[in-house]
Structure formats: structure tokens, C-alpha cells
Amino acid sequence: MSIKAVMRYVVHRITEHPDTDVTFEAECLHCKWKATPADDSATVDVECMSHTGRSGHSGFRRIRTSFAMVVRAEQRPLPRPRDP
């Protein structure tokens, strides 16, 4: 009796985890200032612009953090054979 391995290839995709939020952050490239993390990018952008107005610093590192998961891609069922 021999055992045969059967390998099949399945298409996968990566997607954001549905139970988590995206977090936006920013930090100044000229000093140690950091924006308060938020779930809205516009809020962080406004903080960066305010920092630029106060300090004259115009360079920022923007960070977008999310959690991802790999899932099987939806595959369409094979068409049914036509009746002769």
C-alpha cells in the first residue's frame, strides 16, 4: 500500500481584518513632535498643519496601521455541462 500526496493550489487574497480599525499617526521629521493617533486621517493632517504653523516644520512621517488577514479568494463555480 502506498500513500500519495495530493497537492492543490488555491488562490488567496489579503484583506483588512473586519474586526479592527485603521489607525493614522504622524511624526515630525525635524523634532520629536508626534500627532495623537486617530482613526481619521484628516484629524492627524490638521494636527500636522497646526504644528507647521507653530514651528515652521513642514516634513512629517505619516503612518497608517491596519491588521490584515489572508483568505481564500472567491472562486466561481465551474459551468454545468450542457445536456446533449
PDB file of N, CA and C in Angstrom:
ATOM      1  N   MET A   1       0.851  -1.167   0.000  1.00  0.00           N
ATOM      2  CA  MET A   1       0.000   0.000   0.000  1.00  0.00           C
ATOM      3  C   MET A   1       0.899   1.233   0.000  1.00  0.00           C
ATOM      4  N   SER A   2       0.623   2.151  -0.903  1.00  0.00           N
ATOM      5  CA  SER A   2       1.414   3.380  -0.946  1.00  0.00           C
ATOM      6  C   SER A   2       0.499   4.580  -0.693  1.00  0.00           C
ATOM      7  N   ILE A   3       1.089   5.594  -0.159  1.00  0.00           N
ATOM      8  CA  ILE A   3       0.344   6.824   0.125  1.00  0.00           C
ATOM      9  C   ILE A   3       0.770   7.869  -0.892  1.00  0.00           C
ATOM     10  N   LYS A   4      -0.196   8.485  -1.521  1.00  0.00           N
ATOM     11  CA  LYS A   4       0.097   9.537  -2.485  1.00  0.00           C
ATOM     12  C   LYS A   4      -0.313  10.883  -1.896  1.00  0.00           C
ATOM     13  N   ALA A   5       0.544  11.837  -2.087  1.00  0.00           N
ATOM     14  CA  ALA A   5       0.210  13.192  -1.655  1.00  0.00           C
ATOM     15  C   ALA A   5      -0.526  13.899  -2.781  1.00  0.00           C
ATOM     16  N   VAL A   6      -1.573  14.565  -2.422  1.00  0.00           N
ATOM     17  CA  VAL A   6      -2.327  15.344  -3.393  1.00  0.00           C
ATOM     18  C   VAL A   6      -2.157  16.809  -3.027  1.00  0.00           C
ATOM     19  N   MET A   7      -1.645  17.564  -3.980  1.00  0.00           N
ATOM     20  CA  MET A   7      -1.456  18.990  -3.734  1.00  0.00           C
ATOM     21  C   MET A   7      -2.402  19.757  -4.643  1.00  0.00           C
ATOM     22  N   ARG A   8      -3.030  20.744  -4.091  1.00  0.00           N
ATOM     23  CA  ARG A   8      -3.861  21.601  -4.917  1.00  0.00           C
ATOM     24  C   ARG A   8      -3.516  23.047  -4.583  1.00  0.00           C
ATOM     25  N   TYR A   9      -3.608  23.851  -5.573  1.00  0.00           N
ATOM     26  CA  TYR A   9      -3.267  25.251  -5.409  1.00  0.00           C
ATOM     27  C   TYR A   9      -4.550  26.064  -5.348  1.00  0.00           C
ATOM     28  N   VAL A  10      -4.634  26.889  -4.345  1.00  0.00           N
ATOM     29  CA  VAL A  10      -5.831  27.688  -4.123  1.00  0.00           C
ATOM     30  C   VAL A  10      -5.428  29.161  -4.167  1.00  0.00           C
ATOM     31  N   VAL A  11      -6.204  29.953  -4.860  1.00  0.00           N
ATOM     32  CA  VAL A  11      -5.932  31.382  -4.946  1.00  0.00           C
ATOM     33  C   VAL A  11      -6.356  32.049  -3.635  1.00  0.00           C
ATOM     34  N   HIS A  12      -5.489  32.900  -3.118  1.00  0.00           N
ATOM     35  CA  HIS A  12      -5.770  33.634  -1.885  1.00  0.00           C
ATOM     36  C   HIS A  12      -5.691  35.130  -2.157  1.00  0.00           C
ATOM     37  N   ARG A  13      -6.220  35.899  -1.232  1.00  0.00           N
ATOM     38  CA  ARG A  13      -6.106  37.353  -1.299  1.00  0.00           C
ATOM     39  C   ARG A  13      -5.886  37.868   0.118  1.00  0.00           C
ATOM     40  N   ILE A  14      -5.350  39.071   0.216  1.00  0.00           N
ATOM     41  CA  ILE A  14      -5.147  39.671   1.532  1.00  0.00           C
ATOM     42  C   ILE A  14      -6.148  40.811   1.689  1.00  0.00           C
ATOM     43  N   THR A  15      -6.710  40.920   2.879  1.00  0.00           N
ATOM     44  CA  THR A  15      -7.739  41.928   3.134  1.00  0.00           C
ATOM     45  C   THR A  15      -7.582  42.448   4.561  1.00  0.00           C
ATOM     46  N   GLU A  16      -8.150  43.604   4.826  1.00  0.00           N
ATOM     47  CA  GLU A  16      -8.100  44.126   6.189  1.00  0.00           C
ATOM     48  C   GLU A  16      -9.006  43.294   7.084  1.00  0.00           C
ATOM     49  N   HIS A  17      -8.542  43.057   8.294  1.00  0.00           N
ATOM     50  CA  HIS A  17      -9.325  42.284   9.259  1.00  0.00           C
ATOM     51  C   HIS A  17     -10.600  43.064   9.580  1.00  0.00           C
ATOM     52  N   PRO A  18     -11.766  42.434   9.498  1.00  0.00           N
ATOM     53  CA  PRO A  18     -13.031  43.165   9.677  1.00  0.00           C
ATOM     54  C   PRO A  18     -13.299  43.643  11.101  1.00  0.00           C
ATOM     55  N   ASP A  19     -12.644  43.067  12.095  1.00  0.00           N
ATOM     56  CA  ASP A  19     -12.924  43.428  13.487  1.00  0.00           C
ATOM     57  C   ASP A  19     -11.951  44.456  14.045  1.00  0.00           C
ATOM     58  N   THR A  20     -11.163  45.102  13.187  1.00  0.00           N
ATOM     59  CA  THR A  20     -10.186  46.077  13.661  1.00  0.00           C
ATOM     60  C   THR A  20     -10.357  47.396  12.926  1.00  0.00           C
ATOM     61  N   ASP A  21      -9.799  48.441  13.506  1.00  0.00           N
ATOM     62  CA  ASP A  21      -9.852  49.768  12.896  1.00  0.00           C
ATOM     63  C   ASP A  21      -8.495  50.120  12.304  1.00  0.00           C
ATOM     64  N   VAL A  22      -8.500  51.059  11.400  1.00  0.00           N
ATOM     65  CA  VAL A  22      -7.270  51.608  10.849  1.00  0.00           C
ATOM     66  C   VAL A  22      -6.860  52.767  11.747  1.00  0.00           C
ATOM     67  N   THR A  23      -5.570  52.878  12.049  1.00  0.00           N
ATOM     68  CA  THR A  23      -5.064  53.960  12.879  1.00  0.00           C
ATOM     69  C   THR A  23      -4.089  54.802  12.065  1.00  0.00           C
ATOM     70  N   PHE A  24      -4.228  56.120  12.159  1.00  0.00           N
ATOM     71  CA  PHE A  24      -3.341  57.052  11.466  1.00  0.00           C
ATOM     72  C   PHE A  24      -2.494  57.786  12.495  1.00  0.00           C
ATOM     73  N   GLU A  25      -1.209  57.957  12.169  1.00  0.00           N
ATOM     74  CA  GLU A  25      -0.281  58.662  13.042  1.00  0.00           C
ATOM     75  C   GLU A  25       0.634  59.517  12.179  1.00  0.00           C
ATOM     76  N   ALA A  26       1.333  60.453  12.809  1.00  0.00           N
ATOM     77  CA  ALA A  26       2.332  61.253  12.100  1.00  0.00           C
ATOM     78  C   ALA A  26       3.368  61.717  13.108  1.00  0.00           C
ATOM     79  N   GLU A  27       4.593  61.886  12.633  1.00  0.00           N
ATOM     80  CA  GLU A  27       5.654  62.429  13.475  1.00  0.00           C
ATOM     81  C   GLU A  27       6.499  63.387  12.648  1.00  0.00           C
ATOM     82  N   CYS A  28       6.946  64.438  13.299  1.00  0.00           N
ATOM     83  CA  CYS A  28       7.718  65.482  12.643  1.00  0.00           C
ATOM     84  C   CYS A  28       9.120  64.967  12.318  1.00  0.00           C
ATOM     85  N   LEU A  29       9.620  65.319  11.142  1.00  0.00           N
ATOM     86  CA  LEU A  29      10.971  64.909  10.739  1.00  0.00           C
ATOM     87  C   LEU A  29      12.043  65.845  11.286  1.00  0.00           C
ATOM     88  N   HIS A  30      11.625  66.965  11.906  1.00  0.00           N
ATOM     89  CA  HIS A  30      12.586  67.959  12.382  1.00  0.00           C
ATOM     90  C   HIS A  30      12.724  67.975  13.906  1.00  0.00           C
ATOM     91  N   CYS A  31      11.732  67.488  14.613  1.00  0.00           N
ATOM     92  CA  CYS A  31      11.789  67.452  16.078  1.00  0.00           C
ATOM     93  C   CYS A  31      11.095  66.177  16.555  1.00  0.00           C
ATOM     94  N   LYS A  32      10.860  66.051  17.828  1.00  0.00           N
ATOM     95  CA  LYS A  32      10.269  64.816  18.364  1.00  0.00           C
ATOM     96  C   LYS A  32       8.749  64.894  18.500  1.00  0.00           C
ATOM     97  N   TRP A  33       8.110  65.877  17.884  1.00  0.00           N
ATOM     98  CA  TRP A  33       6.663  66.034  17.970  1.00  0.00           C
ATOM     99  C   TRP A  33       5.961  64.875  17.271  1.00  0.00           C
ATOM    100  N   LYS A  34       4.851  64.421  17.883  1.00  0.00           N
ATOM    101  CA  LYS A  34       4.021  63.367  17.284  1.00  0.00           C
ATOM    102  C   LYS A  34       2.558  63.761  17.387  1.00  0.00           C
ATOM    103  N   ALA A  35       1.802  63.453  16.345  1.00  0.00           N
ATOM    104  CA  ALA A  35       0.358  63.685  16.371  1.00  0.00           C
ATOM    105  C   ALA A  35      -0.304  62.609  17.226  1.00  0.00           C
ATOM    106  N   THR A  36      -1.439  62.947  17.791  1.00  0.00           N
ATOM    107  CA  THR A  36      -2.214  61.968  18.543  1.00  0.00           C
ATOM    108  C   THR A  36      -2.797  60.958  17.557  1.00  0.00           C
ATOM    109  N   PRO A  37      -2.573  59.654  17.769  1.00  0.00           N
ATOM    110  CA  PRO A  37      -3.141  58.650  16.851  1.00  0.00           C
ATOM    111  C   PRO A  37      -4.666  58.788  16.776  1.00  0.00           C
ATOM    112  N   ALA A  38      -5.205  58.591  15.572  1.00  0.00           N
ATOM    113  CA  ALA A  38      -6.650  58.722  15.370  1.00  0.00           C
ATOM    114  C   ALA A  38      -7.105  57.732  14.309  1.00  0.00           C
ATOM    115  N   ASP A  39      -8.409  57.485  14.272  1.00  0.00           N
ATOM    116  CA  ASP A  39      -8.947  56.585  13.245  1.00  0.00           C
ATOM    117  C   ASP A  39      -9.399  57.355  12.004  1.00  0.00           C
ATOM    118  N   ASP A  40      -9.073  58.649  11.962  1.00  0.00           N
ATOM    119  CA  ASP A  40      -9.422  59.507  10.835  1.00  0.00           C
ATOM    120  C   ASP A  40      -8.165  60.236  10.371  1.00  0.00           C
ATOM    121  N   SER A  41      -7.794  60.083   9.114  1.00  0.00           N
ATOM    122  CA  SER A  41      -6.558  60.696   8.617  1.00  0.00           C
ATOM    123  C   SER A  41      -6.635  62.221   8.626  1.00  0.00           C
ATOM    124  N   ALA A  42      -7.822  62.778   8.417  1.00  0.00           N
ATOM    125  CA  ALA A  42      -7.961  64.235   8.379  1.00  0.00           C
ATOM    126  C   ALA A  42      -7.605  64.864   9.723  1.00  0.00           C
ATOM    127  N   THR A  43      -7.948  64.209  10.812  1.00  0.00           N
ATOM    128  CA  THR A  43      -7.631  64.713  12.146  1.00  0.00           C
ATOM    129  C   THR A  43      -6.126  64.836  12.325  1.00  0.00           C
ATOM    130  N   VAL A  44      -5.399  63.818  11.900  1.00  0.00           N
ATOM    131  CA  VAL A  44      -3.938  63.823  12.008  1.00  0.00           C
ATOM    132  C   VAL A  44      -3.352  64.889  11.083  1.00  0.00           C
ATOM    133  N   ASP A  45      -3.903  65.027   9.885  1.00  0.00           N
ATOM    134  CA  ASP A  45      -3.418  66.044   8.945  1.00  0.00           C
ATOM    135  C   ASP A  45      -3.571  67.451   9.521  1.00  0.00           C
ATOM    136  N   VAL A  46      -4.690  67.723  10.179  1.00  0.00           N
ATOM    137  CA  VAL A  46      -4.914  69.037  10.788  1.00  0.00           C
ATOM    138  C   VAL A  46      -3.878  69.287  11.877  1.00  0.00           C
ATOM    139  N   GLU A  47      -3.574  68.275  12.681  1.00  0.00           N
ATOM    140  CA  GLU A  47      -2.551  68.430  13.715  1.00  0.00           C
ATOM    141  C   GLU A  47      -1.193  68.746  13.096  1.00  0.00           C
ATOM    142  N   CYS A  48      -0.867  68.089  11.979  1.00  0.00           N
ATOM    143  CA  CYS A  48       0.404  68.359  11.296  1.00  0.00           C
ATOM    144  C   CYS A  48       0.452  69.798  10.794  1.00  0.00           C
ATOM    145  N   MET A  49      -0.653  70.264  10.212  1.00  0.00           N
ATOM    146  CA  MET A  49      -0.681  71.642   9.713  1.00  0.00           C
ATOM    147  C   MET A  49      -0.570  72.648  10.859  1.00  0.00           C
ATOM    148  N   SER A  50      -1.178  72.344  11.995  1.00  0.00           N
ATOM    149  CA  SER A  50      -1.056  73.216  13.167  1.00  0.00           C
ATOM    150  C   SER A  50       0.385  73.249  13.654  1.00  0.00           C
ATOM    151  N   HIS A  51       1.040  72.095  13.660  1.00  0.00           N
ATOM    152  CA  HIS A  51       2.444  72.031  14.078  1.00  0.00           C
ATOM    153  C   HIS A  51       3.316  72.851  13.124  1.00  0.00           C
ATOM    154  N   THR A  52       3.032  72.770  11.826  1.00  0.00           N
ATOM    155  CA  THR A  52       3.786  73.561  10.849  1.00  0.00           C
ATOM    156  C   THR A  52       3.598  75.052  11.115  1.00  0.00           C
ATOM    157  N   GLY A  53       2.372  75.459  11.423  1.00  0.00           N
ATOM    158  CA  GLY A  53       2.105  76.866  11.710  1.00  0.00           C
ATOM    159  C   GLY A  53       2.852  77.368  12.931  1.00  0.00           C
ATOM    160  N   ARG A  54       2.987  76.530  13.956  1.00  0.00           N
ATOM    161  CA  ARG A  54       3.666  76.935  15.186  1.00  0.00           C
ATOM    162  C   ARG A  54       5.184  76.859  15.071  1.00  0.00           C
ATOM    163  N   SER A  55       5.695  75.861  14.344  1.00  0.00           N
ATOM    164  CA  SER A  55       7.139  75.592  14.356  1.00  0.00           C
ATOM    165  C   SER A  55       7.849  75.896  13.037  1.00  0.00           C
ATOM    166  N   GLY A  56       7.098  75.952  11.946  1.00  0.00           N
ATOM    167  CA  GLY A  56       7.729  76.112  10.636  1.00  0.00           C
ATOM    168  C   GLY A  56       8.228  74.797  10.065  1.00  0.00           C
ATOM    169  N   HIS A  57       8.058  73.710  10.803  1.00  0.00           N
ATOM    170  CA  HIS A  57       8.481  72.389  10.323  1.00  0.00           C
ATOM    171  C   HIS A  57       7.457  71.884   9.311  1.00  0.00           C
ATOM    172  N   SER A  58       7.933  71.429   8.153  1.00  0.00           N
ATOM    173  CA  SER A  58       6.974  71.035   7.113  1.00  0.00           C
ATOM    174  C   SER A  58       7.091  69.579   6.680  1.00  0.00           C
ATOM    175  N   GLY A  59       7.995  68.812   7.278  1.00  0.00           N
ATOM    176  CA  GLY A  59       8.155  67.407   6.896  1.00  0.00           C
ATOM    177  C   GLY A  59       7.636  66.473   7.976  1.00  0.00           C
ATOM    178  N   PHE A  60       6.843  65.490   7.552  1.00  0.00           N
ATOM    179  CA  PHE A  60       6.251  64.550   8.503  1.00  0.00           C
ATOM    180  C   PHE A  60       6.336  63.134   7.968  1.00  0.00           C
ATOM    181  N   ARG A  61       6.454  62.203   8.857  1.00  0.00           N
ATOM    182  CA  ARG A  61       6.342  60.779   8.521  1.00  0.00           C
ATOM    183  C   ARG A  61       4.925  60.383   8.884  1.00  0.00           C
ATOM    184  N   ARG A  62       4.150  59.956   7.881  1.00  0.00           N
ATOM    185  CA  ARG A  62       2.771  59.533   8.132  1.00  0.00           C
ATOM    186  C   ARG A  62       2.728  58.015   8.207  1.00  0.00           C
ATOM    187  N   ILE A  63       1.976  57.518   9.168  1.00  0.00           N
ATOM    188  CA  ILE A  63       1.906  56.079   9.416  1.00  0.00           C
ATOM    189  C   ILE A  63       0.438  55.654   9.406  1.00  0.00           C
ATOM    190  N   ARG A  64       0.145  54.623   8.623  1.00  0.00           N
ATOM    191  CA  ARG A  64      -1.208  54.045   8.574  1.00  0.00           C
ATOM    192  C   ARG A  64      -1.077  52.599   9.027  1.00  0.00           C
ATOM    193  N   THR A  65      -1.708  52.257  10.129  1.00  0.00           N
ATOM    194  CA  THR A  65      -1.608  50.912  10.676  1.00  0.00           C
ATOM    195  C   THR A  65      -2.954  50.205  10.545  1.00  0.00           C
ATOM    196  N   SER A  66      -2.906  49.000  10.002  1.00  0.00           N
ATOM    197  CA  SER A  66      -4.110  48.176   9.923  1.00  0.00           C
ATOM    198  C   SER A  66      -3.701  46.725  10.127  1.00  0.00           C
ATOM    199  N   PHE A  67      -4.663  45.906  10.407  1.00  0.00           N
ATOM    200  CA  PHE A  67      -4.410  44.484  10.574  1.00  0.00           C
ATOM    201  C   PHE A  67      -5.007  43.755   9.381  1.00  0.00           C
ATOM    202  N   ALA A  68      -4.266  42.798   8.876  1.00  0.00           N
ATOM    203  CA  ALA A  68      -4.689  42.108   7.659  1.00  0.00           C
ATOM    204  C   ALA A  68      -4.810  40.618   7.912  1.00  0.00           C
ATOM    205  N   MET A  69      -5.514  39.971   7.012  1.00  0.00           N
ATOM    206  CA  MET A  69      -5.627  38.521   7.067  1.00  0.00           C
ATOM    207  C   MET A  69      -5.681  37.985   5.638  1.00  0.00           C
ATOM    208  N   VAL A  70      -5.160  36.789   5.462  1.00  0.00           N
ATOM    209  CA  VAL A  70      -5.181  36.138   4.159  1.00  0.00           C
ATOM    210  C   VAL A  70      -6.350  35.166   4.146  1.00  0.00           C
ATOM    211  N   VAL A  71      -7.156  35.257   3.101  1.00  0.00           N
ATOM    212  CA  VAL A  71      -8.331  34.387   2.973  1.00  0.00           C
ATOM    213  C   VAL A  71      -8.355  33.787   1.576  1.00  0.00           C
ATOM    214  N   ARG A  72      -9.069  32.706   1.438  1.00  0.00           N
ATOM    215  CA  ARG A  72      -9.243  32.127   0.107  1.00  0.00           C
ATOM    216  C   ARG A  72     -10.058  33.076  -0.754  1.00  0.00           C
ATOM    217  N   ALA A  73      -9.639  33.215  -1.991  1.00  0.00           N
ATOM    218  CA  ALA A  73     -10.375  34.072  -2.925  1.00  0.00           C
ATOM    219  C   ALA A  73     -11.659  33.369  -3.330  1.00  0.00           C
ATOM    220  N   GLU A  74     -12.675  34.155  -3.543  1.00  0.00           N
ATOM    221  CA  GLU A  74     -13.939  33.584  -4.009  1.00  0.00           C
ATOM    222  C   GLU A  74     -13.717  33.017  -5.399  1.00  0.00           C
ATOM    223  N   GLN A  75     -14.117  31.793  -5.590  1.00  0.00           N
ATOM    224  CA  GLN A  75     -13.960  31.190  -6.906  1.00  0.00           C
ATOM    225  C   GLN A  75     -15.336  30.912  -7.482  1.00  0.00           C
ATOM    226  N   ARG A  76     -15.471  31.208  -8.746  1.00  0.00           N
ATOM    227  CA  ARG A  76     -16.742  30.951  -9.421  1.00  0.00           C
ATOM    228  C   ARG A  76     -16.890  29.457  -9.650  1.00  0.00           C
ATOM    229  N   PRO A  77     -18.076  28.936  -9.466  1.00  0.00           N
ATOM    230  CA  PRO A  77     -18.274  27.505  -9.744  1.00  0.00           C
ATOM    231  C   PRO A  77     -18.091  27.227 -11.233  1.00  0.00           C
ATOM    232  N   LEU A  78     -17.638  26.043 -11.546  1.00  0.00           N
ATOM    233  CA  LEU A  78     -17.469  25.652 -12.944  1.00  0.00           C
ATOM    234  C   LEU A  78     -18.828  25.590 -13.617  1.00  0.00           C
ATOM    235  N   PRO A  79     -18.896  25.955 -14.899  1.00  0.00           N
ATOM    236  CA  PRO A  79     -20.191  25.884 -15.589  1.00  0.00           C
ATOM    237  C   PRO A  79     -20.660  24.443 -15.700  1.00  0.00           C
ATOM    238  N   ARG A  80     -21.956  24.279 -15.612  1.00  0.00           N
ATOM    239  CA  ARG A  80     -22.522  22.928 -15.724  1.00  0.00           C
ATOM    240  C   ARG A  80     -22.462  22.485 -17.178  1.00  0.00           C
ATOM    241  N   PRO A  81     -22.185  21.214 -17.418  1.00  0.00           N
ATOM    242  CA  PRO A  81     -22.174  20.729 -18.805  1.00  0.00           C
ATOM    243  C   PRO A  81     -23.573  20.800 -19.403  1.00  0.00           C
ATOM    244  N   ARG A  82     -23.616  21.077 -20.688  1.00  0.00           N
ATOM    245  CA  ARG A  82     -24.907  21.150 -21.382  1.00  0.00           C
ATOM    246  C   ARG A  82     -25.431  19.748 -21.645  1.00  0.00           C
ATOM    247  N   ASP A  83     -26.735  19.618 -21.602  1.00  0.00           N
ATOM    248  CA  ASP A  83     -27.356  18.322 -21.928  1.00  0.00           C
ATOM    249  C   ASP A  83     -27.274  18.104 -23.443  1.00  0.00           C
ATOM    250  N   PRO A  84     -26.955  16.866 -23.878  1.00  0.00           N
ATOM    251  CA  PRO A  84     -26.879  16.595 -25.322  1.00  0.00           C
ATOM    252  C   PRO A  84     -28.226  16.629 -25.996  1.00  0.00           C
TER     253      PRO A  84
END
